């Protein structure tokens, strides 16, 4: 049912409050960031993205669906993200103010 590929076609870079930039290449990377490095805990989209990452690990969720859930969680938490395009350029995704 799931594509269960190890990596996303396009990675996502996030900027943490510490100034550190993480490059996430898979749902497994996203799960680690959501659980270990997330600045705001308890968000609806954060929990949904965590659930989607775990479903991917179990082979029940497509990786690209997890990627979209992660982007929503980042927007919810105000985490600065760069959604890397296929041609190698980065399209900044700015959270709402």
Protein backbone atom coordinates (compact mmCIF):
# COMPACT_ATOMS: atom_id res chain seq x y z
CA UNK A 1 0.00 0.00 0.00
CA UNK A 2 2.78 2.46 0.89
CA UNK A 3 5.64 3.45 -1.41
CA UNK A 4 7.93 3.20 1.65
CA UNK A 5 10.85 4.75 -0.20
CA UNK A 6 13.65 5.79 2.12
CA UNK A 7 13.85 9.38 0.88
CA UNK A 8 11.54 12.12 -0.33
CA UNK A 9 11.98 13.27 -3.90
CA UNK A 10 12.56 16.81 -2.56
CA UNK A 11 14.10 17.39 0.89
CA UNK A 12 12.85 20.05 3.31
CA UNK A 13 15.18 22.37 5.23
CA UNK A 14 14.00 23.82 8.52
CA UNK A 15 15.53 26.58 10.62
CA UNK A 16 15.33 26.02 14.36
CA UNK A 17 15.18 28.72 17.03
CA UNK A 18 18.77 27.80 17.93
CA UNK A 19 19.91 28.98 14.50
CA UNK A 20 20.59 25.42 13.38
CA UNK A 21 19.34 24.29 9.96
CA UNK A 22 18.17 20.71 9.56
CA UNK A 23 17.77 19.07 6.17
CA UNK A 24 15.03 16.45 6.28
CA UNK A 25 15.14 13.84 3.54
CA UNK A 26 12.62 11.29 4.76
CA UNK A 27 9.67 10.68 7.05
CA UNK A 28 12.14 9.19 9.53
CA UNK A 29 14.07 12.50 9.61
CA UNK A 30 10.76 14.34 10.04
CA UNK A 31 9.72 12.13 12.95
CA UNK A 32 13.00 12.81 14.74
CA UNK A 33 12.58 16.57 14.24
CA UNK A 34 8.94 16.53 15.38
CA UNK A 35 9.75 14.62 18.56
CA UNK A 36 13.20 15.95 19.47
CA UNK A 37 13.63 19.44 18.05
CA UNK A 38 10.12 20.88 17.75
CA UNK A 39 9.76 24.31 19.41
CA UNK A 40 6.04 24.00 20.17
CA UNK A 41 4.53 20.80 21.53
CA UNK A 42 0.90 19.81 21.44
CA UNK A 43 -0.13 21.19 18.08
CA UNK A 44 -2.84 19.37 16.14
CA UNK A 45 -0.75 19.26 12.97
CA UNK A 46 2.35 18.20 14.90
CA UNK A 47 0.54 15.18 16.34
CA UNK A 48 -0.97 14.33 12.96
CA UNK A 49 2.46 14.50 11.30
CA UNK A 50 3.90 12.25 14.04
CA UNK A 51 1.07 9.77 13.47
CA UNK A 52 1.68 9.88 9.69
CA UNK A 53 5.42 9.29 10.18
CA UNK A 54 4.68 6.25 12.34
CA UNK A 55 2.17 4.99 9.77
CA UNK A 56 4.87 5.34 7.10
CA UNK A 57 7.29 3.32 9.23
CA UNK A 58 4.62 0.61 9.42
CA UNK A 59 4.20 0.70 5.63
CA UNK A 60 0.72 2.22 5.72
CA UNK A 61 1.33 5.78 4.49
CA UNK A 62 2.94 7.21 1.32
CA UNK A 63 6.07 9.25 1.98
CA UNK A 64 4.77 12.28 0.07
CA UNK A 65 1.62 12.38 2.22
CA UNK A 66 3.85 12.47 5.30
CA UNK A 67 5.85 15.29 3.70
CA UNK A 68 2.72 17.42 3.27
CA UNK A 69 1.63 16.73 6.86
CA UNK A 70 5.08 17.80 8.06
CA UNK A 71 4.86 21.09 6.14
CA UNK A 72 1.50 21.83 7.80
CA UNK A 73 3.03 21.08 11.21
CA UNK A 74 5.88 23.48 10.47
CA UNK A 75 3.46 26.21 9.45
CA UNK A 76 1.44 25.62 12.62
CA UNK A 77 4.56 25.92 14.83
CA UNK A 78 6.03 28.90 12.98
CA UNK A 79 9.09 26.89 11.98
CA UNK A 80 10.90 28.50 9.05
CA UNK A 81 11.10 25.98 6.22
CA UNK A 82 12.55 25.80 2.76
CA UNK A 83 10.85 23.38 0.44
CA UNK A 84 13.57 22.33 -2.02
CA UNK A 85 12.38 22.30 -5.63
CA UNK A 86 13.25 19.60 -8.15
CA UNK A 87 15.68 21.88 -10.00
CA UNK A 88 17.73 22.39 -6.84
CA UNK A 89 16.48 25.89 -6.03
CA UNK A 90 14.73 26.54 -2.77
CA UNK A 91 11.27 28.00 -2.48
CA UNK A 92 10.79 29.65 0.88
CA UNK A 93 7.57 28.78 2.62
CA UNK A 94 6.76 31.51 5.09
CA UNK A 95 4.47 30.80 8.02
CA UNK A 96 1.50 33.11 8.53
CA UNK A 97 2.14 36.09 10.79
